[in-house]
PDB file of N, CA and C in Angstrom:
ATOM      1  N   MET A   1       0.804  -1.191   0.000  1.00  0.00           N
ATOM      2  CA  MET A   1       0.000   0.000   0.000  1.00  0.00           C
ATOM      3  C   MET A   1       0.859   1.272   0.000  1.00  0.00           C
ATOM      4  N   PRO A   2       1.950   1.315   0.737  1.00  0.00           N
ATOM      5  CA  PRO A   2       2.793   2.522   0.672  1.00  0.00           C
ATOM      6  C   PRO A   2       3.320   2.787  -0.734  1.00  0.00           C
ATOM      7  N   GLU A   3       3.599   1.710  -1.491  1.00  0.00           N
ATOM      8  CA  GLU A   3       4.089   1.886  -2.851  1.00  0.00           C
ATOM      9  C   GLU A   3       3.028   2.545  -3.727  1.00  0.00           C
ATOM     10  N   ALA A   4       1.787   2.114  -3.588  1.00  0.00           N
ATOM     11  CA  ALA A   4       0.701   2.690  -4.381  1.00  0.00           C
ATOM     12  C   ALA A   4       0.483   4.155  -4.006  1.00  0.00           C
ATOM     13  N   ARG A   5       0.565   4.462  -2.732  1.00  0.00           N
ATOM     14  CA  ARG A   5       0.403   5.862  -2.306  1.00  0.00           C
ATOM     15  C   ARG A   5       1.535   6.733  -2.868  1.00  0.00           C
ATOM     16  N   ALA A   6       2.749   6.201  -2.871  1.00  0.00           N
ATOM     17  CA  ALA A   6       3.877   6.942  -3.433  1.00  0.00           C
ATOM     18  C   ALA A   6       3.693   7.124  -4.939  1.00  0.00           C
ATOM     19  N   GLU A   7       3.232   6.086  -5.605  1.00  0.00           N
ATOM     20  CA  GLU A   7       3.007   6.176  -7.058  1.00  0.00           C
ATOM     21  C   GLU A   7       1.914   7.202  -7.357  1.00  0.00           C
ATOM     22  N   LEU A   8       0.852   7.232  -6.552  1.00  0.00           N
ATOM     23  CA  LEU A   8      -0.192   8.230  -6.750  1.00  0.00           C
ATOM     24  C   LEU A   8       0.389   9.640  -6.600  1.00  0.00           C
ATOM     25  N   ALA A   9       1.218   9.844  -5.597  1.00  0.00           N
ATOM     26  CA  ALA A   9       1.843  11.154  -5.411  1.00  0.00           C
ATOM     27  C   ALA A   9       2.686  11.525  -6.630  1.00  0.00           C
ATOM     28  N   ASN A  10       3.402  10.552  -7.189  1.00  0.00           N
ATOM     29  CA  ASN A  10       4.219  10.803  -8.381  1.00  0.00           C
ATOM     30  C   ASN A  10       3.364  11.121  -9.609  1.00  0.00           C
ATOM     31  N   LEU A  11       2.156  10.587  -9.642  1.00  0.00           N
ATOM     32  CA  LEU A  11       1.285  10.751 -10.805  1.00  0.00           C
ATOM     33  C   LEU A  11       0.366  11.963 -10.711  1.00  0.00           C
ATOM     34  N   ARG A  12       0.320  12.639  -9.584  1.00  0.00           N
ATOM     35  CA  ARG A  12      -0.670  13.702  -9.388  1.00  0.00           C
ATOM     36  C   ARG A  12      -0.627  14.776 -10.471  1.00  0.00           C
ATOM     37  N   ARG A  13       0.557  15.214 -10.875  1.00  0.00           N
ATOM     38  CA  ARG A  13       0.578  16.256 -11.904  1.00  0.00           C
ATOM     39  C   ARG A  13       0.076  15.715 -13.238  1.00  0.00           C
ATOM     40  N   HIS A  14       0.326  14.422 -13.532  1.00  0.00           N
ATOM     41  CA  HIS A  14      -0.221  13.812 -14.742  1.00  0.00           C
ATOM     42  C   HIS A  14      -1.748  13.752 -14.658  1.00  0.00           C
ATOM     43  N   LEU A  15      -2.253  13.364 -13.501  1.00  0.00           N
ATOM     44  CA  LEU A  15      -3.703  13.248 -13.323  1.00  0.00           C
ATOM     45  C   LEU A  15      -4.365  14.622 -13.435  1.00  0.00           C
ATOM     46  N   ASP A  16      -3.751  15.624 -12.836  1.00  0.00           N
ATOM     47  CA  ASP A  16      -4.281  16.982 -12.944  1.00  0.00           C
ATOM     48  C   ASP A  16      -4.284  17.454 -14.397  1.00  0.00           C
ATOM     49  N   GLU A  17      -3.241  17.105 -15.132  1.00  0.00           N
ATOM     50  CA  GLU A  17      -3.171  17.487 -16.545  1.00  0.00           C
ATOM     51  C   GLU A  17      -4.241  16.773 -17.356  1.00  0.00           C
ATOM     52  N   ILE A  18      -4.497  15.500 -17.051  1.00  0.00           N
ATOM     53  CA  ILE A  18      -5.554  14.754 -17.742  1.00  0.00           C
ATOM     54  C   ILE A  18      -6.898  15.445 -17.537  1.00  0.00           C
ATOM     55  N   VAL A  19      -7.190  15.826 -16.308  1.00  0.00           N
ATOM     56  CA  VAL A  19      -8.465  16.481 -16.000  1.00  0.00           C
ATOM     57  C   VAL A  19      -8.591  17.804 -16.774  1.00  0.00           C
ATOM     58  N   ALA A  20      -7.526  18.597 -16.795  1.00  0.00           N
ATOM     59  CA  ALA A  20      -7.559  19.878 -17.505  1.00  0.00           C
ATOM     60  C   ALA A  20      -7.704  19.669 -19.014  1.00  0.00           C
ATOM     61  N   LEU A  21      -6.954  18.730 -19.568  1.00  0.00           N
ATOM     62  CA  LEU A  21      -7.035  18.465 -21.005  1.00  0.00           C
ATOM     63  C   LEU A  21      -8.389  17.902 -21.399  1.00  0.00           C
ATOM     64  N   ARG A  22      -8.957  17.087 -20.537  1.00  0.00           N
ATOM     65  CA  ARG A  22     -10.289  16.521 -20.798  1.00  0.00           C
ATOM     66  C   ARG A  22     -11.302  17.664 -20.941  1.00  0.00           C
ATOM     67  N   ALA A  23     -11.222  18.639 -20.041  1.00  0.00           N
ATOM     68  CA  ALA A  23     -12.136  19.788 -20.103  1.00  0.00           C
ATOM     69  C   ALA A  23     -11.894  20.608 -21.373  1.00  0.00           C
ATOM     70  N   ASP A  24     -10.631  20.859 -21.683  1.00  0.00           N
ATOM     71  CA  ASP A  24     -10.305  21.623 -22.894  1.00  0.00           C
ATOM     72  C   ASP A  24     -10.815  20.913 -24.144  1.00  0.00           C
ATOM     73  N   ALA A  25     -10.559  19.612 -24.237  1.00  0.00           N
ATOM     74  CA  ALA A  25     -10.972  18.843 -25.416  1.00  0.00           C
ATOM     75  C   ALA A  25     -12.494  18.836 -25.548  1.00  0.00           C
ATOM     76  N   THR A  26     -13.186  18.744 -24.425  1.00  0.00           N
ATOM     77  CA  THR A  26     -14.646  18.757 -24.456  1.00  0.00           C
ATOM     78  C   THR A  26     -15.164  20.095 -24.961  1.00  0.00           C
ATOM     79  N   GLU A  27     -14.577  21.196 -24.469  1.00  0.00           N
ATOM     80  CA  GLU A  27     -14.992  22.527 -24.911  1.00  0.00           C
ATOM     81  C   GLU A  27     -14.675  22.745 -26.388  1.00  0.00           C
ATOM     82  N   LEU A  28     -13.482  22.331 -26.793  1.00  0.00           N
ATOM     83  CA  LEU A  28     -13.100  22.476 -28.201  1.00  0.00           C
ATOM     84  C   LEU A  28     -14.022  21.668 -29.110  1.00  0.00           C
ATOM     85  N   ALA A  29     -14.321  20.436 -28.740  1.00  0.00           N
ATOM     86  CA  ALA A  29     -15.185  19.584 -29.557  1.00  0.00           C
ATOM     87  C   ALA A  29     -16.589  20.178 -29.654  1.00  0.00           C
ATOM     88  N   ALA A  30     -17.102  20.713 -28.544  1.00  0.00           N
ATOM     89  CA  ALA A  30     -18.437  21.316 -28.566  1.00  0.00           C
ATOM     90  C   ALA A  30     -18.460  22.519 -29.501  1.00  0.00           C
ATOM     91  N   ALA A  31     -17.430  23.349 -29.447  1.00  0.00           N
ATOM     92  CA  ALA A  31     -17.371  24.514 -30.323  1.00  0.00           C
ATOM     93  C   ALA A  31     -17.296  24.083 -31.782  1.00  0.00           C
ATOM     94  N   LEU A  32     -16.452  23.107 -32.063  1.00  0.00           N
ATOM     95  CA  LEU A  32     -16.308  22.646 -33.453  1.00  0.00           C
ATOM     96  C   LEU A  32     -17.594  22.002 -33.961  1.00  0.00           C
ATOM     97  N   ASN A  33     -18.296  21.272 -33.095  1.00  0.00           N
ATOM     98  CA  ASN A  33     -19.574  20.664 -33.493  1.00  0.00           C
ATOM     99  C   ASN A  33     -20.616  21.732 -33.804  1.00  0.00           C
ATOM    100  N   ALA A  34     -20.477  22.899 -33.182  1.00  0.00           N
ATOM    101  CA  ALA A  34     -21.389  24.020 -33.445  1.00  0.00           C
ATOM    102  C   ALA A  34     -20.913  24.856 -34.629  1.00  0.00           C
ATOM    103  N   GLY A  35     -19.822  24.429 -35.278  1.00  0.00           N
ATOM    104  CA  GLY A  35     -19.297  25.147 -36.432  1.00  0.00           C
ATOM    105  C   GLY A  35     -18.500  26.375 -36.065  1.00  0.00           C
ATOM    106  N   GLU A  36     -17.967  26.395 -34.852  1.00  0.00           N
ATOM    107  CA  GLU A  36     -17.216  27.549 -34.362  1.00  0.00           C
ATOM    108  C   GLU A  36     -15.847  27.105 -33.880  1.00  0.00           C
ATOM    109  N   GLU A  37     -15.101  28.077 -33.390  1.00  0.00           N
ATOM    110  CA  GLU A  37     -13.879  27.804 -32.644  1.00  0.00           C
ATOM    111  C   GLU A  37     -14.093  28.345 -31.240  1.00  0.00           C
ATOM    112  N   SER A  38     -13.353  27.800 -30.278  1.00  0.00           N
ATOM    113  CA  SER A  38     -13.392  28.333 -28.923  1.00  0.00           C
ATOM    114  C   SER A  38     -12.613  29.636 -28.912  1.00  0.00           C
ATOM    115  N   SER A  39     -13.200  30.693 -28.388  1.00  0.00           N
ATOM    116  CA  SER A  39     -12.523  31.993 -28.379  1.00  0.00           C
ATOM    117  C   SER A  39     -11.251  31.959 -27.534  1.00  0.00           C
ATOM    118  N   GLN A  40     -11.202  31.090 -26.546  1.00  0.00           N
ATOM    119  CA  GLN A  40     -10.028  31.027 -25.678  1.00  0.00           C
ATOM    120  C   GLN A  40      -9.076  29.887 -26.027  1.00  0.00           C
ATOM    121  N   LEU A  41      -9.613  28.785 -26.556  1.00  0.00           N
ATOM    122  CA  LEU A  41      -8.798  27.587 -26.735  1.00  0.00           C
ATOM    123  C   LEU A  41      -8.356  27.318 -28.161  1.00  0.00           C
ATOM    124  N   GLY A  42      -9.089  27.812 -29.146  1.00  0.00           N
ATOM    125  CA  GLY A  42      -8.694  27.582 -30.521  1.00  0.00           C
ATOM    126  C   GLY A  42      -9.676  26.708 -31.277  1.00  0.00           C
ATOM    127  N   GLY A  43      -9.133  25.884 -32.179  1.00  0.00           N
ATOM    128  CA  GLY A  43      -9.969  25.067 -33.046  1.00  0.00           C
ATOM    129  C   GLY A  43      -9.456  23.651 -33.182  1.00  0.00           C
ATOM    130  N   LEU A  44      -9.576  23.115 -34.381  1.00  0.00           N
ATOM    131  CA  LEU A  44      -9.230  21.720 -34.640  1.00  0.00           C
ATOM    132  C   LEU A  44      -7.772  21.380 -34.316  1.00  0.00           C
ATOM    133  N   PRO A  45      -6.803  22.211 -34.678  1.00  0.00           N
ATOM    134  CA  PRO A  45      -5.421  21.853 -34.331  1.00  0.00           C
ATOM    135  C   PRO A  45      -5.210  21.715 -32.819  1.00  0.00           C
ATOM    136  N   GLU A  46      -5.838  22.594 -32.056  1.00  0.00           N
ATOM    137  CA  GLU A  46      -5.700  22.529 -30.600  1.00  0.00           C
ATOM    138  C   GLU A  46      -6.425  21.305 -30.034  1.00  0.00           C
ATOM    139  N   LEU A  47      -7.565  20.934 -30.628  1.00  0.00           N
ATOM    140  CA  LEU A  47      -8.263  19.719 -30.208  1.00  0.00           C
ATOM    141  C   LEU A  47      -7.396  18.490 -30.466  1.00  0.00           C
ATOM    142  N   LYS A  48      -6.816  18.415 -31.653  1.00  0.00           N
ATOM    143  CA  LYS A  48      -5.946  17.274 -31.989  1.00  0.00           C
ATOM    144  C   LYS A  48      -4.742  17.208 -31.057  1.00  0.00           C
ATOM    145  N   ALA A  49      -4.175  18.368 -30.718  1.00  0.00           N
ATOM    146  CA  ALA A  49      -3.033  18.399 -29.795  1.00  0.00           C
ATOM    147  C   ALA A  49      -3.447  17.925 -28.402  1.00  0.00           C
ATOM    148  N   ALA A  50      -4.615  18.360 -27.953  1.00  0.00           N
ATOM    149  CA  ALA A  50      -5.104  17.922 -26.636  1.00  0.00           C
ATOM    150  C   ALA A  50      -5.335  16.419 -26.624  1.00  0.00           C
ATOM    151  N   GLN A  51      -5.928  15.896 -27.685  1.00  0.00           N
ATOM    152  CA  GLN A  51      -6.178  14.459 -27.773  1.00  0.00           C
ATOM    153  C   GLN A  51      -4.871  13.664 -27.796  1.00  0.00           C
ATOM    154  N   ALA A  52      -3.888  14.164 -28.535  1.00  0.00           N
ATOM    155  CA  ALA A  52      -2.589  13.478 -28.600  1.00  0.00           C
ATOM    156  C   ALA A  52      -1.920  13.462 -27.225  1.00  0.00           C
ATOM    157  N   ARG A  53      -1.973  14.583 -26.521  1.00  0.00           N
ATOM    158  CA  ARG A  53      -1.371  14.643 -25.187  1.00  0.00           C
ATOM    159  C   ARG A  53      -2.121  13.745 -24.212  1.00  0.00           C
ATOM    160  N   LEU A  54      -3.438  13.691 -24.311  1.00  0.00           N
ATOM    161  CA  LEU A  54      -4.209  12.770 -23.476  1.00  0.00           C
ATOM    162  C   LEU A  54      -3.778  11.329 -23.728  1.00  0.00           C
ATOM    163  N   ASP A  55      -3.609  10.970 -24.985  1.00  0.00           N
ATOM    164  CA  ASP A  55      -3.153   9.618 -25.326  1.00  0.00           C
ATOM    165  C   ASP A  55      -1.802   9.313 -24.675  1.00  0.00           C
ATOM    166  N   GLU A  56      -0.881  10.289 -24.715  1.00  0.00           N
ATOM    167  CA  GLU A  56       0.436  10.102 -24.086  1.00  0.00           C
ATOM    168  C   GLU A  56       0.308   9.883 -22.578  1.00  0.00           C
ATOM    169  N   LEU A  57      -0.507  10.698 -21.943  1.00  0.00           N
ATOM    170  CA  LEU A  57      -0.660  10.593 -20.491  1.00  0.00           C
ATOM    171  C   LEU A  57      -1.328   9.287 -20.091  1.00  0.00           C
ATOM    172  N   LEU A  58      -2.323   8.863 -20.839  1.00  0.00           N
ATOM    173  CA  LEU A  58      -2.999   7.597 -20.527  1.00  0.00           C
ATOM    174  C   LEU A  58      -2.062   6.417 -20.759  1.00  0.00           C
ATOM    175  N   ALA A  59      -1.216   6.495 -21.788  1.00  0.00           N
ATOM    176  CA  ALA A  59      -0.221   5.449 -22.026  1.00  0.00           C
ATOM    177  C   ALA A  59       0.785   5.398 -20.885  1.00  0.00           C
ATOM    178  N   GLU A  60       1.126   6.548 -20.317  1.00  0.00           N
ATOM    179  CA  GLU A  60       2.048   6.590 -19.176  1.00  0.00           C
ATOM    180  C   GLU A  60       1.431   5.905 -17.956  1.00  0.00           C
ATOM    181  N   LEU A  61       0.150   6.100 -17.730  1.00  0.00           N
ATOM    182  CA  LEU A  61      -0.524   5.391 -16.631  1.00  0.00           C
ATOM    183  C   LEU A  61      -0.407   3.880 -16.835  1.00  0.00           C
ATOM    184  N   GLU A  62      -0.707   3.446 -18.042  1.00  0.00           N
ATOM    185  CA  GLU A  62      -0.647   2.017 -18.362  1.00  0.00           C
ATOM    186  C   GLU A  62       0.769   1.479 -18.183  1.00  0.00           C
ATOM    187  N   ARG A  63       1.757   2.244 -18.646  1.00  0.00           N
ATOM    188  CA  ARG A  63       3.158   1.825 -18.524  1.00  0.00           C
ATOM    189  C   ARG A  63       3.544   1.627 -17.054  1.00  0.00           C
ATOM    190  N   ARG A  64       2.971   2.414 -16.190  1.00  0.00           N
ATOM    191  CA  ARG A  64       3.274   2.320 -14.757  1.00  0.00           C
ATOM    192  C   ARG A  64       2.425   1.277 -14.031  1.00  0.00           C
ATOM    193  N   GLY A  65       1.598   0.549 -14.770  1.00  0.00           N
ATOM    194  CA  GLY A  65       0.806  -0.511 -14.159  1.00  0.00           C
ATOM    195  C   GLY A  65      -0.474  -0.034 -13.502  1.00  0.00           C
ATOM    196  N   VAL A  66      -0.883   1.184 -13.816  1.00  0.00           N
ATOM    197  CA  VAL A  66      -2.115   1.744 -13.266  1.00  0.00           C
ATOM    198  C   VAL A  66      -3.248   1.424 -14.229  1.00  0.00           C
ATOM    199  N   GLU A  67      -4.371   0.976 -13.692  1.00  0.00           N
ATOM    200  CA  GLU A  67      -5.512   0.640 -14.539  1.00  0.00           C
ATOM    201  C   GLU A  67      -6.490   1.798 -14.564  1.00  0.00           C
ATOM    202  N   LEU A  68      -6.769   2.291 -15.772  1.00  0.00           N
ATOM    203  CA  LEU A  68      -7.761   3.335 -15.952  1.00  0.00           C
ATOM    204  C   LEU A  68      -9.128   2.667 -15.969  1.00  0.00           C
ATOM    205  N   LYS A  69      -9.977   3.041 -15.028  1.00  0.00           N
ATOM    206  CA  LYS A  69     -11.316   2.453 -14.930  1.00  0.00           C
ATOM    207  C   LYS A  69     -12.406   3.417 -15.368  1.00  0.00           C
ATOM    208  N   GLY A  70     -12.112   4.715 -15.330  1.00  0.00           N
ATOM    209  CA  GLY A  70     -13.091   5.717 -15.753  1.00  0.00           C
ATOM    210  C   GLY A  70     -12.373   6.977 -16.193  1.00  0.00           C
ATOM    211  N   PHE A  71     -12.978   7.669 -17.144  1.00  0.00           N
ATOM    212  CA  PHE A  71     -12.340   8.861 -17.700  1.00  0.00           C
ATOM    213  C   PHE A  71     -13.006  10.149 -17.218  1.00  0.00           C
ATOM    214  N   ALA A  72     -14.308  10.107 -16.988  1.00  0.00           N
ATOM    215  CA  ALA A  72     -15.034  11.291 -16.519  1.00  0.00           C
ATOM    216  C   ALA A  72     -16.136  10.836 -15.576  1.00  0.00           C
ATOM    217  N   PRO A  73     -15.906  10.819 -14.299  1.00  0.00           N
ATOM    218  CA  PRO A  73     -14.716  11.281 -13.608  1.00  0.00           C
ATOM    219  C   PRO A  73     -13.563  10.287 -13.753  1.00  0.00           C
ATOM    220  N   LEU A  74     -12.368  10.790 -13.547  1.00  0.00           N
ATOM    221  CA  LEU A  74     -11.161   9.972 -13.626  1.00  0.00           C
ATOM    222  C   LEU A  74     -11.160   8.977 -12.471  1.00  0.00           C
ATOM    223  N   LEU A  75     -10.986   7.714 -12.805  1.00  0.00           N
ATOM    224  CA  LEU A  75     -10.975   6.642 -11.812  1.00  0.00           C
ATOM    225  C   LEU A  75      -9.848   5.688 -12.169  1.00  0.00           C
ATOM    226  N   ILE A  76      -8.920   5.484 -11.239  1.00  0.00           N
ATOM    227  CA  ILE A  76      -7.791   4.587 -11.484  1.00  0.00           C
ATOM    228  C   ILE A  76      -7.656   3.596 -10.340  1.00  0.00           C
ATOM    229  N   ASP A  77      -7.114   2.427 -10.669  1.00  0.00           N
ATOM    230  CA  ASP A  77      -6.871   1.375  -9.693  1.00  0.00           C
ATOM    231  C   ASP A  77      -5.406   0.969  -9.720  1.00  0.00           C
ATOM    232  N   PHE A  78      -4.901   0.662  -8.533  1.00  0.00           N
ATOM    233  CA  PHE A  78      -3.572   0.101  -8.345  1.00  0.00           C
ATOM    234  C   PHE A  78      -3.761  -1.297  -7.771  1.00  0.00           C
ATOM    235  N   TYR A  79      -3.086  -2.283  -8.331  1.00  0.00           N
ATOM    236  CA  TYR A  79      -3.169  -3.632  -7.777  1.00  0.00           C
ATOM    237  C   TYR A  79      -2.466  -3.655  -6.429  1.00  0.00           C
ATOM    238  N   GLY A  80      -3.041  -4.361  -5.477  1.00  0.00           N
ATOM    239  CA  GLY A  80      -2.411  -4.483  -4.169  1.00  0.00           C
ATOM    240  C   GLY A  80      -2.975  -5.673  -3.399  1.00  0.00           C
ATOM    241  N   GLU A  81      -2.565  -5.781  -2.160  1.00  0.00           N
ATOM    242  CA  GLU A  81      -3.078  -6.819  -1.258  1.00  0.00           C
ATOM    243  C   GLU A  81      -3.469  -6.175   0.050  1.00  0.00           C
ATOM    244  N   LEU A  82      -4.526  -6.705   0.628  1.00  0.00           N
ATOM    245  CA  LEU A  82      -4.982  -6.256   1.933  1.00  0.00           C
ATOM    246  C   LEU A  82      -5.265  -7.495   2.754  1.00  0.00           C
ATOM    247  N   GLU A  83      -4.474  -7.672   3.801  1.00  0.00           N
ATOM    248  CA  GLU A  83      -4.587  -8.850   4.670  1.00  0.00           C
ATOM    249  C   GLU A  83      -4.509 -10.139   3.857  1.00  0.00           C
ATOM    250  N   GLY A  84      -3.602 -10.155   2.881  1.00  0.00           N
ATOM    251  CA  GLY A  84      -3.373 -11.332   2.057  1.00  0.00           C
ATOM    252  C   GLY A  84      -4.367 -11.542   0.934  1.00  0.00           C
ATOM    253  N   VAL A  85      -5.324 -10.655   0.787  1.00  0.00           N
ATOM    254  CA  VAL A  85      -6.343 -10.771  -0.263  1.00  0.00           C
ATOM    255  C   VAL A  85      -6.010  -9.791  -1.388  1.00  0.00           C
ATOM    256  N   PRO A  86      -5.972 -10.268  -2.638  1.00  0.00           N
ATOM    257  CA  PRO A  86      -5.719  -9.355  -3.753  1.00  0.00           C
ATOM    258  C   PRO A  86      -6.864  -8.350  -3.877  1.00  0.00           C
ATOM    259  N   VAL A  87      -6.521  -7.068  -4.006  1.00  0.00           N
ATOM    260  CA  VAL A  87      -7.506  -5.996  -4.126  1.00  0.00           C
ATOM    261  C   VAL A  87      -7.004  -4.958  -5.123  1.00  0.00           C
ATOM    262  N   PHE A  88      -7.896  -4.086  -5.512  1.00  0.00           N
ATOM    263  CA  PHE A  88      -7.513  -2.887  -6.225  1.00  0.00           C
ATOM    264  C   PHE A  88      -7.634  -1.726  -5.253  1.00  0.00           C
ATOM    265  N   LEU A  89      -6.569  -0.954  -5.148  1.00  0.00           N
ATOM    266  CA  LEU A  89      -6.578   0.286  -4.392  1.00  0.00           C
ATOM    267  C   LEU A  89      -7.105   1.341  -5.347  1.00  0.00           C
ATOM    268  N   CYS A  90      -8.116   2.049  -4.935  1.00  0.00           N
ATOM    269  CA  CYS A  90      -8.963   2.806  -5.846  1.00  0.00           C
ATOM    270  C   CYS A  90      -8.873   4.302  -5.561  1.00  0.00           C
ATOM    271  N   TRP A  91      -8.582   5.099  -6.602  1.00  0.00           N
ATOM    272  CA  TRP A  91      -8.565   6.556  -6.481  1.00  0.00           C
ATOM    273  C   TRP A  91      -9.546   7.139  -7.486  1.00  0.00           C
ATOM    274  N   LEU A  92     -10.440   7.986  -6.989  1.00  0.00           N
ATOM    275  CA  LEU A  92     -11.437   8.659  -7.808  1.00  0.00           C
ATOM    276  C   LEU A  92     -11.138  10.147  -7.822  1.00  0.00           C
ATOM    277  N   GLU A  93     -11.245  10.751  -8.986  1.00  0.00           N
ATOM    278  CA  GLU A  93     -11.034  12.195  -9.112  1.00  0.00           C
ATOM    279  C   GLU A  93     -11.756  12.923  -7.973  1.00  0.00           C
ATOM    280  N   GLY A  94     -11.013  13.772  -7.290  1.00  0.00           N
ATOM    281  CA  GLY A  94     -11.561  14.496  -6.155  1.00  0.00           C
ATOM    282  C   GLY A  94     -11.118  13.926  -4.817  1.00  0.00           C
ATOM    283  N   ASP A  95     -10.683  12.649  -4.804  1.00  0.00           N
ATOM    284  CA  ASP A  95     -10.158  12.061  -3.572  1.00  0.00           C
ATOM    285  C   ASP A  95      -8.855  12.754  -3.210  1.00  0.00           C
ATOM    286  N   ALA A  96      -8.692  13.083  -1.941  1.00  0.00           N
ATOM    287  CA  ALA A  96      -7.469  13.749  -1.486  1.00  0.00           C
ATOM    288  C   ALA A  96      -6.294  12.784  -1.433  1.00  0.00           C
ATOM    289  N   GLU A  97      -6.590  11.505  -1.216  1.00  0.00           N
ATOM    290  CA  GLU A  97      -5.536  10.505  -1.082  1.00  0.00           C
ATOM    291  C   GLU A  97      -6.057   9.144  -1.529  1.00  0.00           C
ATOM    292  N   LEU A  98      -5.190   8.166  -1.509  1.00  0.00           N
ATOM    293  CA  LEU A  98      -5.569   6.798  -1.815  1.00  0.00           C
ATOM    294  C   LEU A  98      -6.125   6.180  -0.541  1.00  0.00           C
ATOM    295  N   ALA A  99      -7.447   6.159  -0.415  1.00  0.00           N
ATOM    296  CA  ALA A  99      -8.072   5.748   0.832  1.00  0.00           C
ATOM    297  C   ALA A  99      -9.154   4.693   0.652  1.00  0.00           C
ATOM    298  N   TRP A 100      -9.280   4.134  -0.560  1.00  0.00           N
ATOM    299  CA  TRP A 100     -10.351   3.188  -0.855  1.00  0.00           C
ATOM    300  C   TRP A 100      -9.794   1.945  -1.540  1.00  0.00           C
ATOM    301  N   TYR A 101     -10.519   0.868  -1.437  1.00  0.00           N
ATOM    302  CA  TYR A 101     -10.150  -0.377  -2.119  1.00  0.00           C
ATOM    303  C   TYR A 101     -11.426  -1.121  -2.488  1.00  0.00           C
ATOM    304  N   HIS A 102     -11.261  -2.095  -3.363  1.00  0.00           N
ATOM    305  CA  HIS A 102     -12.344  -3.049  -3.623  1.00  0.00           C
ATOM    306  C   HIS A 102     -11.728  -4.365  -4.054  1.00  0.00           C
ATOM    307  N   ARG A 103     -12.440  -5.441  -3.784  1.00  0.00           N
ATOM    308  CA  ARG A 103     -11.983  -6.752  -4.234  1.00  0.00           C
ATOM    309  C   ARG A 103     -11.942  -6.773  -5.752  1.00  0.00           C
ATOM    310  N   LEU A 104     -11.088  -7.631  -6.285  1.00  0.00           N
ATOM    311  CA  LEU A 104     -10.921  -7.702  -7.739  1.00  0.00           C
ATOM    312  C   LEU A 104     -12.222  -8.066  -8.445  1.00  0.00           C
ATOM    313  N   ASP A 105     -13.025  -8.899  -7.805  1.00  0.00           N
ATOM    314  CA  ASP A 105     -14.244  -9.391  -8.444  1.00  0.00           C
ATOM    315  C   ASP A 105     -15.465  -8.495  -8.225  1.00  0.00           C
ATOM    316  N   LEU A 106     -15.335  -7.435  -7.438  1.00  0.00           N
ATOM    317  CA  LEU A 106     -16.509  -6.623  -7.124  1.00  0.00           C
ATOM    318  C   LEU A 106     -16.562  -5.299  -7.875  1.00  0.00           C
ATOM    319  N   GLY A 107     -15.440  -4.734  -8.198  1.00  0.00           N
ATOM    320  CA  GLY A 107     -15.445  -3.447  -8.879  1.00  0.00           C
ATOM    321  C   GLY A 107     -15.881  -2.316  -7.977  1.00  0.00           C
ATOM    322  N   PHE A 108     -16.175  -1.182  -8.606  1.00  0.00           N
ATOM    323  CA  PHE A 108     -16.454   0.054  -7.878  1.00  0.00           C
ATOM    324  C   PHE A 108     -17.617  -0.090  -6.899  1.00  0.00           C
ATOM    325  N   ALA A 109     -18.598  -0.898  -7.246  1.00  0.00           N
ATOM    326  CA  ALA A 109     -19.774  -1.082  -6.371  1.00  0.00           C
ATOM    327  C   ALA A 109     -19.373  -1.656  -5.005  1.00  0.00           C
ATOM    328  N   GLY A 110     -18.239  -2.355  -4.962  1.00  0.00           N
ATOM    329  CA  GLY A 110     -17.760  -2.941  -3.710  1.00  0.00           C
ATOM    330  C   GLY A 110     -16.707  -2.100  -3.017  1.00  0.00           C
ATOM    331  N   ARG A 111     -16.609  -0.851  -3.385  1.00  0.00           N
ATOM    332  CA  ARG A 111     -15.580   0.065  -2.854  1.00  0.00           C
ATOM    333  C   ARG A 111     -15.768   0.310  -1.361  1.00  0.00           C
ATOM    334  N   ARG A 112     -14.687   0.144  -0.618  1.00  0.00           N
ATOM    335  CA  ARG A 112     -14.699   0.356   0.842  1.00  0.00           C
ATOM    336  C   ARG A 112     -13.514   1.200   1.236  1.00  0.00           C
ATOM    337  N   ARG A 113     -13.667   1.889   2.357  1.00  0.00           N
ATOM    338  CA  ARG A 113     -12.572   2.699   2.890  1.00  0.00           C
ATOM    339  C   ARG A 113     -11.478   1.763   3.429  1.00  0.00           C
ATOM    340  N   LEU A 114     -10.231   2.116   3.174  1.00  0.00           N
ATOM    341  CA  LEU A 114      -9.110   1.330   3.713  1.00  0.00           C
ATOM    342  C   LEU A 114      -9.108   1.415   5.232  1.00  0.00           C
ATOM    343  N   PRO A 115      -8.791   0.297   5.873  1.00  0.00           N
ATOM    344  CA  PRO A 115      -8.742   0.311   7.351  1.00  0.00           C
ATOM    345  C   PRO A 115      -7.584   1.147   7.852  1.00  0.00           C
TER     346      PRO A 115
END
């Protein structure tokens, strides 16, 4: 568990960037779908750049062994063990720390606070 908490701390700036880029890409796509450009963010080139950077960041999560479970809100799992039982340590966008887990077979619905 300490390793997962340390990894989450190392990933925080990546996670924050994912959240910001997700919002930018959503705004850009909405503007382009309306036949406009975003007055603050730009147009198609900026959307493509945001999407490419999101792909890089998500690949970095995967490379580090983090499982992306949700994109909006951002939900990631770290494999771990709790009292000898394999679990996923679960972080949801907005969580201040890694404080939740669920059994591998239960998913988010079985999410419990770490003891």
